[in-house]
Amino acid sequence: MLNLLILFASIILLIASTTGLHAKMEKHVNTCLIITRCFFFILLTCQIIQLFLTWKTRLLTNLIWLIFSIMLFAFTANAFREKIVTFGNPRHLRLVFGGMIINLCLSLITLLF
């Protein structure tokens, strides 16, 4: 159940961040920013719980994934800040989108193995 919640949060994060970073109106950007932050909180909470549950078997992989997700949260917050203040940086948009794809792949790997 925890793995499915992580997968669901990763998919919603991918959709919300992509929609928000490509939105033209500031209202839509702010709405997607709120959704992204809420689902990042859910994702990080589930990853910490999973880290404690699989402490002896998969400590290193879950720890690397947690650190990657925290860095992705910082990159996403920076990209949304640039989108709100200026018109955004395409390089950061691609970086966040690539990071979200990697995060989704990691959640699929965790779900399947």
N, C-alpha and C. Protein backbone atom coordinates (compact mmCIF):
# COMPACT_ATOMS: atom_id res chain seq x y z
N MET A 1 0.82 -1.19 0.00
CA MET A 1 0.00 0.00 0.00
C MET A 1 0.86 1.26 0.00
N LEU A 2 1.94 1.20 0.76
CA LEU A 2 2.85 2.35 0.82
C LEU A 2 3.51 2.59 -0.53
N ASN A 3 3.86 1.51 -1.22
CA ASN A 3 4.48 1.65 -2.54
C ASN A 3 3.51 2.25 -3.56
N LEU A 4 2.25 1.87 -3.47
CA LEU A 4 1.26 2.44 -4.38
C LEU A 4 1.04 3.93 -4.11
N LEU A 5 1.09 4.32 -2.84
CA LEU A 5 0.96 5.73 -2.50
C LEU A 5 2.16 6.53 -3.02
N ILE A 6 3.34 5.94 -2.94
CA ILE A 6 4.54 6.59 -3.48
C ILE A 6 4.42 6.72 -5.00
N LEU A 7 3.97 5.69 -5.67
CA LEU A 7 3.80 5.74 -7.12
C LEU A 7 2.76 6.79 -7.51
N PHE A 8 1.63 6.82 -6.80
CA PHE A 8 0.58 7.80 -7.07
C PHE A 8 1.10 9.23 -6.86
N ALA A 9 1.83 9.44 -5.77
CA ALA A 9 2.37 10.78 -5.49
C ALA A 9 3.38 11.18 -6.56
N SER A 10 4.18 10.24 -7.04
CA SER A 10 5.16 10.55 -8.08
C SER A 10 4.49 10.94 -9.39
N ILE A 11 3.42 10.24 -9.73
CA ILE A 11 2.70 10.56 -10.97
C ILE A 11 2.03 11.92 -10.87
N ILE A 12 1.39 12.20 -9.74
CA ILE A 12 0.75 13.51 -9.55
C ILE A 12 1.80 14.61 -9.54
N LEU A 13 2.97 14.36 -8.95
CA LEU A 13 4.05 15.35 -8.95
C LEU A 13 4.51 15.65 -10.37
N LEU A 14 4.65 14.62 -11.17
CA LEU A 14 5.07 14.82 -12.56
C LEU A 14 4.06 15.67 -13.32
N ILE A 15 2.80 15.35 -13.16
CA ILE A 15 1.75 16.09 -13.87
C ILE A 15 1.64 17.52 -13.35
N ALA A 16 1.63 17.70 -12.03
CA ALA A 16 1.44 19.04 -11.46
C ALA A 16 2.63 19.95 -11.74
N SER A 17 3.83 19.42 -11.63
CA SER A 17 5.00 20.28 -11.89
C SER A 17 5.12 20.63 -13.37
N THR A 18 4.83 19.68 -14.24
CA THR A 18 4.88 19.98 -15.68
C THR A 18 3.81 21.00 -16.05
N THR A 19 2.61 20.83 -15.53
CA THR A 19 1.53 21.77 -15.81
C THR A 19 1.85 23.15 -15.26
N GLY A 20 2.34 23.19 -14.03
CA GLY A 20 2.63 24.47 -13.40
C GLY A 20 3.78 25.22 -14.03
N LEU A 21 4.79 24.51 -14.46
CA LEU A 21 5.95 25.17 -15.05
C LEU A 21 5.73 25.58 -16.50
N HIS A 22 4.66 25.06 -17.11
CA HIS A 22 4.32 25.48 -18.47
C HIS A 22 3.08 26.37 -18.52
N ALA A 23 2.52 26.71 -17.36
CA ALA A 23 1.32 27.54 -17.32
C ALA A 23 1.66 28.99 -17.66
N LYS A 24 0.70 29.67 -18.24
CA LYS A 24 0.90 31.07 -18.64
C LYS A 24 0.39 32.05 -17.59
N MET A 25 -0.64 31.67 -16.83
CA MET A 25 -1.21 32.57 -15.84
C MET A 25 -0.62 32.29 -14.46
N GLU A 26 -0.40 33.33 -13.68
CA GLU A 26 0.21 33.18 -12.37
C GLU A 26 -0.69 32.40 -11.42
N LYS A 27 -1.99 32.52 -11.58
CA LYS A 27 -2.93 31.78 -10.74
C LYS A 27 -2.75 30.28 -10.92
N HIS A 28 -2.57 29.83 -12.13
CA HIS A 28 -2.37 28.40 -12.39
C HIS A 28 -1.01 27.94 -11.87
N VAL A 29 -0.02 28.80 -11.97
CA VAL A 29 1.31 28.46 -11.45
C VAL A 29 1.24 28.28 -9.94
N ASN A 30 0.56 29.19 -9.25
CA ASN A 30 0.44 29.09 -7.79
C ASN A 30 -0.36 27.87 -7.37
N THR A 31 -1.41 27.54 -8.09
CA THR A 31 -2.21 26.36 -7.78
C THR A 31 -1.38 25.08 -7.94
N CYS A 32 -0.65 25.01 -9.02
CA CYS A 32 0.20 23.83 -9.23
C CYS A 32 1.35 23.77 -8.23
N LEU A 33 1.84 24.92 -7.80
CA LEU A 33 2.88 24.96 -6.78
C LEU A 33 2.36 24.39 -5.46
N ILE A 34 1.14 24.73 -5.09
CA ILE A 34 0.55 24.21 -3.86
C ILE A 34 0.36 22.70 -3.96
N ILE A 35 -0.15 22.23 -5.09
CA ILE A 35 -0.34 20.79 -5.29
C ILE A 35 1.00 20.07 -5.25
N THR A 36 2.01 20.65 -5.89
CA THR A 36 3.34 20.03 -5.92
C THR A 36 3.92 19.94 -4.52
N ARG A 37 3.80 21.00 -3.73
CA ARG A 37 4.34 20.97 -2.37
C ARG A 37 3.62 19.95 -1.50
N CYS A 38 2.30 19.86 -1.63
CA CYS A 38 1.54 18.88 -0.84
C CYS A 38 1.95 17.45 -1.19
N PHE A 39 2.09 17.17 -2.47
CA PHE A 39 2.45 15.81 -2.86
C PHE A 39 3.93 15.51 -2.61
N PHE A 40 4.79 16.53 -2.60
CA PHE A 40 6.17 16.29 -2.18
C PHE A 40 6.21 15.93 -0.70
N PHE A 41 5.37 16.59 0.10
CA PHE A 41 5.30 16.25 1.52
C PHE A 41 4.84 14.81 1.70
N ILE A 42 3.82 14.40 0.95
CA ILE A 42 3.34 13.02 1.03
C ILE A 42 4.43 12.05 0.58
N LEU A 43 5.10 12.38 -0.53
CA LEU A 43 6.15 11.50 -1.05
C LEU A 43 7.31 11.36 -0.07
N LEU A 44 7.78 12.48 0.47
CA LEU A 44 8.91 12.42 1.39
C LEU A 44 8.54 11.70 2.69
N THR A 45 7.32 11.91 3.17
CA THR A 45 6.87 11.20 4.37
C THR A 45 6.82 9.69 4.13
N CYS A 46 6.28 9.29 3.00
CA CYS A 46 6.22 7.86 2.67
C CYS A 46 7.61 7.26 2.47
N GLN A 47 8.51 8.04 1.89
CA GLN A 47 9.87 7.53 1.71
C GLN A 47 10.59 7.36 3.04
N ILE A 48 10.37 8.27 3.98
CA ILE A 48 10.99 8.13 5.30
C ILE A 48 10.41 6.92 6.03
N ILE A 49 9.10 6.72 5.94
CA ILE A 49 8.48 5.54 6.54
C ILE A 49 9.03 4.27 5.91
N GLN A 50 9.15 4.27 4.58
CA GLN A 50 9.69 3.09 3.90
C GLN A 50 11.15 2.86 4.27
N LEU A 51 11.89 3.93 4.49
CA LEU A 51 13.29 3.79 4.90
C LEU A 51 13.37 3.08 6.25
N PHE A 52 12.49 3.44 7.18
CA PHE A 52 12.50 2.79 8.49
C PHE A 52 11.96 1.36 8.43
N LEU A 53 11.02 1.10 7.54
CA LEU A 53 10.47 -0.25 7.43
C LEU A 53 11.43 -1.23 6.78
N THR A 54 12.23 -0.75 5.84
CA THR A 54 13.17 -1.63 5.13
C THR A 54 14.61 -1.29 5.53
N TRP A 55 14.81 -1.02 6.80
CA TRP A 55 16.10 -0.56 7.30
C TRP A 55 17.23 -1.55 7.00
N LYS A 56 16.97 -2.83 7.23
CA LYS A 56 18.05 -3.82 7.11
C LYS A 56 18.24 -4.35 5.70
N THR A 57 17.22 -4.28 4.87
CA THR A 57 17.34 -4.90 3.56
C THR A 57 17.76 -3.92 2.46
N ARG A 58 17.16 -2.72 2.44
CA ARG A 58 17.45 -1.79 1.34
C ARG A 58 17.76 -0.39 1.87
N LEU A 59 18.66 -0.30 2.79
CA LEU A 59 18.97 1.00 3.39
C LEU A 59 19.60 1.94 2.39
N LEU A 60 20.60 1.49 1.67
CA LEU A 60 21.35 2.36 0.77
C LEU A 60 20.49 2.88 -0.38
N THR A 61 19.73 2.01 -1.02
CA THR A 61 18.92 2.46 -2.15
C THR A 61 17.83 3.43 -1.72
N ASN A 62 17.18 3.15 -0.59
CA ASN A 62 16.14 4.05 -0.12
C ASN A 62 16.73 5.38 0.36
N LEU A 63 17.90 5.35 0.94
CA LEU A 63 18.55 6.58 1.39
C LEU A 63 18.97 7.45 0.20
N ILE A 64 19.52 6.82 -0.83
CA ILE A 64 19.90 7.57 -2.04
C ILE A 64 18.66 8.16 -2.70
N TRP A 65 17.58 7.39 -2.75
CA TRP A 65 16.34 7.87 -3.34
C TRP A 65 15.75 9.03 -2.53
N LEU A 66 15.84 8.96 -1.20
CA LEU A 66 15.34 10.04 -0.35
C LEU A 66 16.15 11.31 -0.56
N ILE A 67 17.46 11.19 -0.64
CA ILE A 67 18.31 12.36 -0.88
C ILE A 67 18.03 12.94 -2.26
N PHE A 68 17.84 12.08 -3.26
CA PHE A 68 17.50 12.56 -4.59
C PHE A 68 16.17 13.31 -4.58
N SER A 69 15.19 12.81 -3.84
CA SER A 69 13.88 13.47 -3.78
C SER A 69 13.97 14.82 -3.08
N ILE A 70 14.79 14.92 -2.06
CA ILE A 70 14.97 16.21 -1.38
C ILE A 70 15.65 17.21 -2.31
N MET A 71 16.65 16.77 -3.06
CA MET A 71 17.28 17.66 -4.03
C MET A 71 16.30 18.06 -5.13
N LEU A 72 15.47 17.13 -5.57
CA LEU A 72 14.45 17.43 -6.57
C LEU A 72 13.44 18.43 -6.05
N PHE A 73 13.10 18.34 -4.77
CA PHE A 73 12.20 19.32 -4.16
C PHE A 73 12.82 20.72 -4.21
N ALA A 74 14.11 20.82 -3.92
CA ALA A 74 14.79 22.12 -3.98
C ALA A 74 14.84 22.66 -5.41
N PHE A 75 15.14 21.81 -6.38
CA PHE A 75 15.15 22.25 -7.78
C PHE A 75 13.77 22.68 -8.25
N THR A 76 12.75 21.95 -7.83
CA THR A 76 11.38 22.29 -8.23
C THR A 76 10.96 23.62 -7.61
N ALA A 77 11.28 23.82 -6.34
CA ALA A 77 10.93 25.09 -5.69
C ALA A 77 11.65 26.25 -6.36
N ASN A 78 12.89 26.05 -6.75
CA ASN A 78 13.64 27.09 -7.45
C ASN A 78 13.05 27.38 -8.82
N ALA A 79 12.64 26.33 -9.53
CA ALA A 79 12.05 26.52 -10.86
C ALA A 79 10.71 27.25 -10.75
N PHE A 80 9.90 26.92 -9.75
CA PHE A 80 8.64 27.63 -9.57
C PHE A 80 8.88 29.08 -9.16
N ARG A 81 9.89 29.32 -8.35
CA ARG A 81 10.21 30.70 -7.96
C ARG A 81 10.61 31.52 -9.17
N GLU A 82 11.45 30.94 -10.04
CA GLU A 82 11.83 31.65 -11.26
C GLU A 82 10.65 31.84 -12.19
N LYS A 83 9.73 30.89 -12.21
CA LYS A 83 8.55 31.02 -13.06
C LYS A 83 7.65 32.15 -12.58
N ILE A 84 7.53 32.31 -11.26
CA ILE A 84 6.68 33.36 -10.71
C ILE A 84 7.34 34.72 -10.84
N VAL A 85 8.63 34.83 -10.52
CA VAL A 85 9.32 36.11 -10.54
C VAL A 85 9.61 36.57 -11.96
N THR A 86 10.13 35.67 -12.79
CA THR A 86 10.42 35.99 -14.18
C THR A 86 9.56 35.08 -15.05
N PHE A 87 9.93 34.85 -16.25
CA PHE A 87 9.18 33.95 -17.11
C PHE A 87 9.73 32.54 -17.10
N GLY A 88 10.65 32.25 -16.22
CA GLY A 88 11.19 30.90 -16.09
C GLY A 88 12.45 30.70 -16.91
N ASN A 89 13.19 29.68 -16.54
CA ASN A 89 14.42 29.32 -17.21
C ASN A 89 14.21 27.95 -17.86
N PRO A 90 14.30 27.87 -19.18
CA PRO A 90 14.05 26.57 -19.85
C PRO A 90 15.01 25.47 -19.41
N ARG A 91 16.23 25.83 -19.04
CA ARG A 91 17.18 24.83 -18.59
C ARG A 91 16.71 24.20 -17.27
N HIS A 92 16.18 25.02 -16.37
CA HIS A 92 15.68 24.49 -15.11
C HIS A 92 14.40 23.68 -15.31
N LEU A 93 13.60 24.06 -16.29
CA LEU A 93 12.40 23.29 -16.59
C LEU A 93 12.77 21.88 -17.04
N ARG A 94 13.76 21.79 -17.91
CA ARG A 94 14.21 20.46 -18.37
C ARG A 94 14.83 19.66 -17.25
N LEU A 95 15.56 20.33 -16.37
CA LEU A 95 16.19 19.64 -15.24
C LEU A 95 15.13 19.07 -14.29
N VAL A 96 14.11 19.86 -14.00
CA VAL A 96 13.03 19.39 -13.12
C VAL A 96 12.25 18.27 -13.79
N PHE A 97 11.96 18.41 -15.07
CA PHE A 97 11.21 17.38 -15.77
C PHE A 97 12.00 16.07 -15.81
N GLY A 98 13.29 16.14 -16.08
CA GLY A 98 14.14 14.94 -16.07
C GLY A 98 14.21 14.32 -14.69
N GLY A 99 14.30 15.16 -13.68
CA GLY A 99 14.32 14.65 -12.31
C GLY A 99 13.02 13.97 -11.92
N MET A 100 11.90 14.53 -12.37
CA MET A 100 10.61 13.90 -12.10
C MET A 100 10.49 12.55 -12.80
N ILE A 101 11.00 12.45 -14.01
CA ILE A 101 10.98 11.16 -14.73
C ILE A 101 11.84 10.14 -13.98
N ILE A 102 13.01 10.55 -13.52
CA ILE A 102 13.88 9.63 -12.77
C ILE A 102 13.21 9.21 -11.48
N ASN A 103 12.55 10.16 -10.80
CA ASN A 103 11.86 9.85 -9.56
C ASN A 103 10.72 8.86 -9.80
N LEU A 104 10.00 9.04 -10.90
CA LEU A 104 8.93 8.11 -11.24
C LEU A 104 9.50 6.72 -11.55
N CYS A 105 10.61 6.67 -12.24
CA CYS A 105 11.25 5.38 -12.54
C CYS A 105 11.73 4.70 -11.25
N LEU A 106 12.27 5.48 -10.33
CA LEU A 106 12.70 4.90 -9.06
C LEU A 106 11.51 4.36 -8.26
N SER A 107 10.39 5.06 -8.32
CA SER A 107 9.22 4.55 -7.60
C SER A 107 8.69 3.28 -8.26
N LEU A 108 8.77 3.19 -9.59
CA LEU A 108 8.36 1.95 -10.27
C LEU A 108 9.29 0.80 -9.92
N ILE A 109 10.58 1.08 -9.85
CA ILE A 109 11.53 0.04 -9.47
C ILE A 109 11.27 -0.43 -8.04
N THR A 110 10.98 0.52 -7.15
CA THR A 110 10.67 0.16 -5.76
C THR A 110 9.39 -0.64 -5.68
N LEU A 111 8.42 -0.29 -6.50
CA LEU A 111 7.15 -1.01 -6.48
C LEU A 111 7.31 -2.43 -7.01
N LEU A 112 8.12 -2.61 -8.04
CA LEU A 112 8.24 -3.91 -8.66
C LEU A 112 9.20 -4.85 -7.92
N PHE A 113 10.17 -4.29 -7.21
CA PHE A 113 11.15 -5.16 -6.53
C PHE A 113 10.99 -5.04 -5.08
